[in-house]
Amino acid sequence: MHLMNADLHSHSNVSDGTLTPEALAARAHSKGVQLWSLTDHDELAGQQRARDAALALGMDYLAGTEISVSFV
């Protein structure tokens, strides 16, 4: 079995986070993350920046988003 350090839930300042996608990638990398995903709320605008930063740091990247839903 191969175990991997992954962080598949993070939010950048593109939605409700405080750090840029690049800064989040750097923080994840500094903590030993090997597979990272940016999952901003209802927003895809940071995906390319996040992917580029992750790959430049040697991490694998999985695109994602957190979708808001409402029940009426």
PDB file of N, CA and C in Angstrom:
ATOM      1  N   MET A   1       0.847  -1.173   0.000  1.00  0.00           N
ATOM      2  CA  MET A   1       0.000   0.000   0.000  1.00  0.00           C
ATOM      3  C   MET A   1       0.894   1.239   0.000  1.00  0.00           C
ATOM      4  N   HIS A   2       0.528   2.192  -0.843  1.00  0.00           N
ATOM      5  CA  HIS A   2       1.261   3.454  -0.931  1.00  0.00           C
ATOM      6  C   HIS A   2       0.416   4.554  -0.279  1.00  0.00           C
ATOM      7  N   LEU A   3       0.945   5.158   0.762  1.00  0.00           N
ATOM      8  CA  LEU A   3       0.248   6.260   1.427  1.00  0.00           C
ATOM      9  C   LEU A   3       0.775   7.581   0.898  1.00  0.00           C
ATOM     10  N   MET A   4      -0.113   8.553   0.820  1.00  0.00           N
ATOM     11  CA  MET A   4       0.251   9.864   0.300  1.00  0.00           C
ATOM     12  C   MET A   4      -0.302  10.936   1.222  1.00  0.00           C
ATOM     13  N   ASN A   5       0.484  11.969   1.464  1.00  0.00           N
ATOM     14  CA  ASN A   5       0.024  13.111   2.240  1.00  0.00           C
ATOM     15  C   ASN A   5      -0.741  14.030   1.291  1.00  0.00           C
ATOM     16  N   ALA A   6      -2.049  14.158   1.519  1.00  0.00           N
ATOM     17  CA  ALA A   6      -2.899  14.948   0.626  1.00  0.00           C
ATOM     18  C   ALA A   6      -3.699  15.976   1.416  1.00  0.00           C
ATOM     19  N   ASP A   7      -3.927  17.121   0.780  1.00  0.00           N
ATOM     20  CA  ASP A   7      -4.832  18.147   1.305  1.00  0.00           C
ATOM     21  C   ASP A   7      -5.786  18.472   0.171  1.00  0.00           C
ATOM     22  N   LEU A   8      -7.023  18.013   0.296  1.00  0.00           N
ATOM     23  CA  LEU A   8      -8.005  18.164  -0.775  1.00  0.00           C
ATOM     24  C   LEU A   8      -9.106  19.156  -0.433  1.00  0.00           C
ATOM     25  N   HIS A   9      -8.832  20.046   0.521  1.00  0.00           N
ATOM     26  CA  HIS A   9      -9.836  21.054   0.886  1.00  0.00           C
ATOM     27  C   HIS A   9      -9.135  22.313   1.376  1.00  0.00           C
ATOM     28  N   SER A  10      -9.026  23.300   0.492  1.00  0.00           N
ATOM     29  CA  SER A  10      -8.435  24.582   0.885  1.00  0.00           C
ATOM     30  C   SER A  10      -9.105  25.705   0.110  1.00  0.00           C
ATOM     31  N   HIS A  11      -9.175  26.865   0.748  1.00  0.00           N
ATOM     32  CA  HIS A  11      -9.820  28.037   0.151  1.00  0.00           C
ATOM     33  C   HIS A  11      -8.818  29.180   0.079  1.00  0.00           C
ATOM     34  N   SER A  12      -8.760  29.833  -1.058  1.00  0.00           N
ATOM     35  CA  SER A  12      -7.856  30.963  -1.255  1.00  0.00           C
ATOM     36  C   SER A  12      -8.623  32.286  -1.160  1.00  0.00           C
ATOM     37  N   ASN A  13      -7.902  33.372  -1.369  1.00  0.00           N
ATOM     38  CA  ASN A  13      -8.549  34.684  -1.351  1.00  0.00           C
ATOM     39  C   ASN A  13      -9.394  34.927  -2.603  1.00  0.00           C
ATOM     40  N   VAL A  14      -9.423  33.971  -3.492  1.00  0.00           N
ATOM     41  CA  VAL A  14     -10.340  34.051  -4.637  1.00  0.00           C
ATOM     42  C   VAL A  14     -11.778  33.856  -4.146  1.00  0.00           C
ATOM     43  N   SER A  15     -11.947  33.122  -3.031  1.00  0.00           N
ATOM     44  CA  SER A  15     -13.275  33.039  -2.412  1.00  0.00           C
ATOM     45  C   SER A  15     -13.194  33.570  -0.986  1.00  0.00           C
ATOM     46  N   ASP A  16     -13.251  32.725   0.022  1.00  0.00           N
ATOM     47  CA  ASP A  16     -13.306  33.237   1.392  1.00  0.00           C
ATOM     48  C   ASP A  16     -12.035  33.003   2.202  1.00  0.00           C
ATOM     49  N   GLY A  17     -10.945  32.626   1.560  1.00  0.00           N
ATOM     50  CA  GLY A  17      -9.680  32.436   2.254  1.00  0.00           C
ATOM     51  C   GLY A  17      -8.897  33.734   2.353  1.00  0.00           C
ATOM     52  N   THR A  18      -7.734  33.673   2.988  1.00  0.00           N
ATOM     53  CA  THR A  18      -6.917  34.876   3.159  1.00  0.00           C
ATOM     54  C   THR A  18      -5.633  34.851   2.331  1.00  0.00           C
ATOM     55  N   LEU A  19      -5.208  33.668   1.891  1.00  0.00           N
ATOM     56  CA  LEU A  19      -3.961  33.551   1.127  1.00  0.00           C
ATOM     57  C   LEU A  19      -4.231  33.375  -0.359  1.00  0.00           C
ATOM     58  N   THR A  20      -3.281  33.794  -1.175  1.00  0.00           N
ATOM     59  CA  THR A  20      -3.386  33.579  -2.620  1.00  0.00           C
ATOM     60  C   THR A  20      -3.245  32.092  -2.925  1.00  0.00           C
ATOM     61  N   PRO A  21      -3.681  31.663  -4.105  1.00  0.00           N
ATOM     62  CA  PRO A  21      -3.466  30.265  -4.482  1.00  0.00           C
ATOM     63  C   PRO A  21      -1.989  29.870  -4.407  1.00  0.00           C
ATOM     64  N   GLU A  22      -1.110  30.754  -4.811  1.00  0.00           N
ATOM     65  CA  GLU A  22       0.326  30.466  -4.784  1.00  0.00           C
ATOM     66  C   GLU A  22       0.843  30.297  -3.354  1.00  0.00           C
ATOM     67  N   ALA A  23       0.391  31.172  -2.454  1.00  0.00           N
ATOM     68  CA  ALA A  23       0.811  31.081  -1.056  1.00  0.00           C
ATOM     69  C   ALA A  23       0.269  29.810  -0.401  1.00  0.00           C
ATOM     70  N   LEU A  24      -0.942  29.427  -0.747  1.00  0.00           N
ATOM     71  CA  LEU A  24      -1.501  28.182  -0.216  1.00  0.00           C
ATOM     72  C   LEU A  24      -0.714  26.978  -0.705  1.00  0.00           C
ATOM     73  N   ALA A  25      -0.341  26.990  -1.976  1.00  0.00           N
ATOM     74  CA  ALA A  25       0.463  25.892  -2.514  1.00  0.00           C
ATOM     75  C   ALA A  25       1.790  25.801  -1.770  1.00  0.00           C
ATOM     76  N   ALA A  26       2.429  26.929  -1.542  1.00  0.00           N
ATOM     77  CA  ALA A  26       3.706  26.944  -0.832  1.00  0.00           C
ATOM     78  C   ALA A  26       3.544  26.435   0.598  1.00  0.00           C
ATOM     79  N   ARG A  27       2.473  26.818   1.258  1.00  0.00           N
ATOM     80  CA  ARG A  27       2.232  26.352   2.631  1.00  0.00           C
ATOM     81  C   ARG A  27       1.996  24.847   2.639  1.00  0.00           C
ATOM     82  N   ALA A  28       1.177  24.364   1.726  1.00  0.00           N
ATOM     83  CA  ALA A  28       0.930  22.921   1.641  1.00  0.00           C
ATOM     84  C   ALA A  28       2.239  22.172   1.419  1.00  0.00           C
ATOM     85  N   HIS A  29       3.040  22.650   0.497  1.00  0.00           N
ATOM     86  CA  HIS A  29       4.324  22.013   0.201  1.00  0.00           C
ATOM     87  C   HIS A  29       5.227  21.999   1.428  1.00  0.00           C
ATOM     88  N   SER A  30       5.249  23.098   2.170  1.00  0.00           N
ATOM     89  CA  SER A  30       6.106  23.180   3.356  1.00  0.00           C
ATOM     90  C   SER A  30       5.674  22.201   4.443  1.00  0.00           C
ATOM     91  N   LYS A  31       4.420  21.757   4.399  1.00  0.00           N
ATOM     92  CA  LYS A  31       3.898  20.797   5.379  1.00  0.00           C
ATOM     93  C   LYS A  31       4.005  19.355   4.884  1.00  0.00           C
ATOM     94  N   GLY A  32       4.646  19.166   3.734  1.00  0.00           N
ATOM     95  CA  GLY A  32       4.846  17.816   3.221  1.00  0.00           C
ATOM     96  C   GLY A  32       3.730  17.272   2.372  1.00  0.00           C
ATOM     97  N   VAL A  33       2.808  18.127   1.945  1.00  0.00           N
ATOM     98  CA  VAL A  33       1.707  17.672   1.098  1.00  0.00           C
ATOM     99  C   VAL A  33       2.243  17.258  -0.272  1.00  0.00           C
ATOM    100  N   GLN A  34       1.770  16.118  -0.754  1.00  0.00           N
ATOM    101  CA  GLN A  34       2.184  15.605  -2.059  1.00  0.00           C
ATOM    102  C   GLN A  34       1.092  15.768  -3.116  1.00  0.00           C
ATOM    103  N   LEU A  35      -0.158  15.733  -2.683  1.00  0.00           N
ATOM    104  CA  LEU A  35      -1.312  15.918  -3.568  1.00  0.00           C
ATOM    105  C   LEU A  35      -2.152  17.021  -2.959  1.00  0.00           C
ATOM    106  N   TRP A  36      -2.386  18.075  -3.728  1.00  0.00           N
ATOM    107  CA  TRP A  36      -3.082  19.248  -3.202  1.00  0.00           C
ATOM    108  C   TRP A  36      -4.214  19.649  -4.130  1.00  0.00           C
ATOM    109  N   SER A  37      -5.258  20.234  -3.537  1.00  0.00           N
ATOM    110  CA  SER A  37      -6.403  20.717  -4.299  1.00  0.00           C
ATOM    111  C   SER A  37      -6.881  22.042  -3.733  1.00  0.00           C
ATOM    112  N   LEU A  38      -7.122  22.989  -4.610  1.00  0.00           N
ATOM    113  CA  LEU A  38      -7.764  24.244  -4.234  1.00  0.00           C
ATOM    114  C   LEU A  38      -9.263  24.053  -4.455  1.00  0.00           C
ATOM    115  N   THR A  39     -10.061  24.282  -3.412  1.00  0.00           N
ATOM    116  CA  THR A  39     -11.507  24.054  -3.505  1.00  0.00           C
ATOM    117  C   THR A  39     -12.272  25.294  -3.053  1.00  0.00           C
ATOM    118  N   ASP A  40     -12.017  26.413  -3.713  1.00  0.00           N
ATOM    119  CA  ASP A  40     -12.714  27.654  -3.388  1.00  0.00           C
ATOM    120  C   ASP A  40     -14.220  27.480  -3.528  1.00  0.00           C
ATOM    121  N   HIS A  41     -14.974  28.294  -2.772  1.00  0.00           N
ATOM    122  CA  HIS A  41     -16.435  28.278  -2.844  1.00  0.00           C
ATOM    123  C   HIS A  41     -16.924  28.838  -4.171  1.00  0.00           C
ATOM    124  N   ASP A  42     -17.616  28.013  -4.942  1.00  0.00           N
ATOM    125  CA  ASP A  42     -18.320  28.456  -6.154  1.00  0.00           C
ATOM    126  C   ASP A  42     -17.429  29.264  -7.098  1.00  0.00           C
ATOM    127  N   GLU A  43     -16.180  28.918  -7.181  1.00  0.00           N
ATOM    128  CA  GLU A  43     -15.230  29.747  -7.937  1.00  0.00           C
ATOM    129  C   GLU A  43     -14.131  28.889  -8.543  1.00  0.00           C
ATOM    130  N   LEU A  44     -13.848  29.135  -9.820  1.00  0.00           N
ATOM    131  CA  LEU A  44     -12.788  28.417 -10.520  1.00  0.00           C
ATOM    132  C   LEU A  44     -11.629  29.325 -10.915  1.00  0.00           C
ATOM    133  N   ALA A  45     -11.727  30.603 -10.620  1.00  0.00           N
ATOM    134  CA  ALA A  45     -10.755  31.580 -11.106  1.00  0.00           C
ATOM    135  C   ALA A  45      -9.328  31.327 -10.629  1.00  0.00           C
ATOM    136  N   GLY A  46      -9.134  30.686  -9.498  1.00  0.00           N
ATOM    137  CA  GLY A  46      -7.793  30.442  -8.988  1.00  0.00           C
ATOM    138  C   GLY A  46      -7.185  29.115  -9.419  1.00  0.00           C
ATOM    139  N   GLN A  47      -7.930  28.319 -10.162  1.00  0.00           N
ATOM    140  CA  GLN A  47      -7.478  26.970 -10.495  1.00  0.00           C
ATOM    141  C   GLN A  47      -6.162  26.928 -11.279  1.00  0.00           C
ATOM    142  N   GLN A  48      -6.030  27.717 -12.309  1.00  0.00           N
ATOM    143  CA  GLN A  48      -4.801  27.671 -13.103  1.00  0.00           C
ATOM    144  C   GLN A  48      -3.590  28.120 -12.292  1.00  0.00           C
ATOM    145  N   ARG A  49      -3.772  29.180 -11.525  1.00  0.00           N
ATOM    146  CA  ARG A  49      -2.676  29.663 -10.666  1.00  0.00           C
ATOM    147  C   ARG A  49      -2.280  28.602  -9.647  1.00  0.00           C
ATOM    148  N   ALA A  50      -3.278  27.947  -9.036  1.00  0.00           N
ATOM    149  CA  ALA A  50      -3.012  26.911  -8.045  1.00  0.00           C
ATOM    150  C   ALA A  50      -2.296  25.725  -8.684  1.00  0.00           C
ATOM    151  N   ARG A  51      -2.769  25.300  -9.832  1.00  0.00           N
ATOM    152  CA  ARG A  51      -2.147  24.163 -10.529  1.00  0.00           C
ATOM    153  C   ARG A  51      -0.704  24.480 -10.891  1.00  0.00           C
ATOM    154  N   ASP A  52      -0.477  25.641 -11.473  1.00  0.00           N
ATOM    155  CA  ASP A  52       0.877  26.025 -11.864  1.00  0.00           C
ATOM    156  C   ASP A  52       1.814  26.059 -10.655  1.00  0.00           C
ATOM    157  N   ALA A  53       1.336  26.622  -9.542  1.00  0.00           N
ATOM    158  CA  ALA A  53       2.159  26.709  -8.337  1.00  0.00           C
ATOM    159  C   ALA A  53       2.448  25.324  -7.773  1.00  0.00           C
ATOM    160  N   ALA A  54       1.429  24.467  -7.721  1.00  0.00           N
ATOM    161  CA  ALA A  54       1.613  23.116  -7.187  1.00  0.00           C
ATOM    162  C   ALA A  54       2.622  22.334  -8.022  1.00  0.00           C
ATOM    163  N   LEU A  55       2.462  22.362  -9.318  1.00  0.00           N
ATOM    164  CA  LEU A  55       3.361  21.610 -10.187  1.00  0.00           C
ATOM    165  C   LEU A  55       4.788  22.149 -10.110  1.00  0.00           C
ATOM    166  N   ALA A  56       4.938  23.472 -10.002  1.00  0.00           N
ATOM    167  CA  ALA A  56       6.270  24.063  -9.889  1.00  0.00           C
ATOM    168  C   ALA A  56       6.973  23.622  -8.608  1.00  0.00           C
ATOM    169  N   LEU A  57       6.186  23.299  -7.577  1.00  0.00           N
ATOM    170  CA  LEU A  57       6.735  22.849  -6.303  1.00  0.00           C
ATOM    171  C   LEU A  57       6.905  21.325  -6.240  1.00  0.00           C
ATOM    172  N   GLY A  58       6.486  20.644  -7.294  1.00  0.00           N
ATOM    173  CA  GLY A  58       6.627  19.190  -7.337  1.00  0.00           C
ATOM    174  C   GLY A  58       5.464  18.422  -6.733  1.00  0.00           C
ATOM    175  N   MET A  59       4.345  19.099  -6.469  1.00  0.00           N
ATOM    176  CA  MET A  59       3.158  18.420  -5.950  1.00  0.00           C
ATOM    177  C   MET A  59       2.252  18.005  -7.098  1.00  0.00           C
ATOM    178  N   ASP A  60       1.509  16.926  -6.886  1.00  0.00           N
ATOM    179  CA  ASP A  60       0.428  16.590  -7.807  1.00  0.00           C
ATOM    180  C   ASP A  60      -0.741  17.511  -7.486  1.00  0.00           C
ATOM    181  N   TYR A  61      -1.602  17.766  -8.488  1.00  0.00           N
ATOM    182  CA  TYR A  61      -2.706  18.697  -8.299  1.00  0.00           C
ATOM    183  C   TYR A  61      -4.003  18.079  -8.795  1.00  0.00           C
ATOM    184  N   LEU A  62      -5.062  18.296  -8.025  1.00  0.00           N
ATOM    185  CA  LEU A  62      -6.402  17.845  -8.381  1.00  0.00           C
ATOM    186  C   LEU A  62      -7.322  19.056  -8.351  1.00  0.00           C
ATOM    187  N   ALA A  63      -7.877  19.435  -9.480  1.00  0.00           N
ATOM    188  CA  ALA A  63      -8.782  20.584  -9.539  1.00  0.00           C
ATOM    189  C   ALA A  63     -10.067  20.273  -8.777  1.00  0.00           C
ATOM    190  N   GLY A  64     -10.598  21.287  -8.100  1.00  0.00           N
ATOM    191  CA  GLY A  64     -11.834  21.092  -7.350  1.00  0.00           C
ATOM    192  C   GLY A  64     -12.530  22.405  -7.073  1.00  0.00           C
ATOM    193  N   THR A  65     -13.739  22.311  -6.583  1.00  0.00           N
ATOM    194  CA  THR A  65     -14.487  23.476  -6.124  1.00  0.00           C
ATOM    195  C   THR A  65     -15.527  23.012  -5.121  1.00  0.00           C
ATOM    196  N   GLU A  66     -15.868  23.884  -4.194  1.00  0.00           N
ATOM    197  CA  GLU A  66     -16.930  23.595  -3.236  1.00  0.00           C
ATOM    198  C   GLU A  66     -18.167  24.315  -3.729  1.00  0.00           C
ATOM    199  N   ILE A  67     -19.179  23.561  -4.038  1.00  0.00           N
ATOM    200  CA  ILE A  67     -20.395  24.117  -4.646  1.00  0.00           C
ATOM    201  C   ILE A  67     -21.459  24.334  -3.581  1.00  0.00           C
ATOM    202  N   SER A  68     -21.996  25.551  -3.543  1.00  0.00           N
ATOM    203  CA  SER A  68     -23.076  25.866  -2.605  1.00  0.00           C
ATOM    204  C   SER A  68     -24.403  25.420  -3.172  1.00  0.00           C
ATOM    205  N   VAL A  69     -25.224  24.855  -2.322  1.00  0.00           N
ATOM    206  CA  VAL A  69     -26.578  24.442  -2.735  1.00  0.00           C
ATOM    207  C   VAL A  69     -27.559  24.955  -1.700  1.00  0.00           C
ATOM    208  N   SER A  70     -28.771  25.182  -2.153  1.00  0.00           N
ATOM    209  CA  SER A  70     -29.852  25.601  -1.250  1.00  0.00           C
ATOM    210  C   SER A  70     -31.047  24.722  -1.494  1.00  0.00           C
ATOM    211  N   PHE A  71     -31.695  24.343  -0.421  1.00  0.00           N
ATOM    212  CA  PHE A  71     -32.931  23.577  -0.532  1.00  0.00           C
ATOM    213  C   PHE A  71     -34.082  24.491  -0.170  1.00  0.00           C
ATOM    214  N   VAL A  72     -35.073  24.570  -1.047  1.00  0.00           N
ATOM    215  CA  VAL A  72     -36.231  25.435  -0.794  1.00  0.00           C
ATOM    216  C   VAL A  72     -37.462  24.622  -0.495  1.00  0.00           C
TER     217      VAL A  72
END
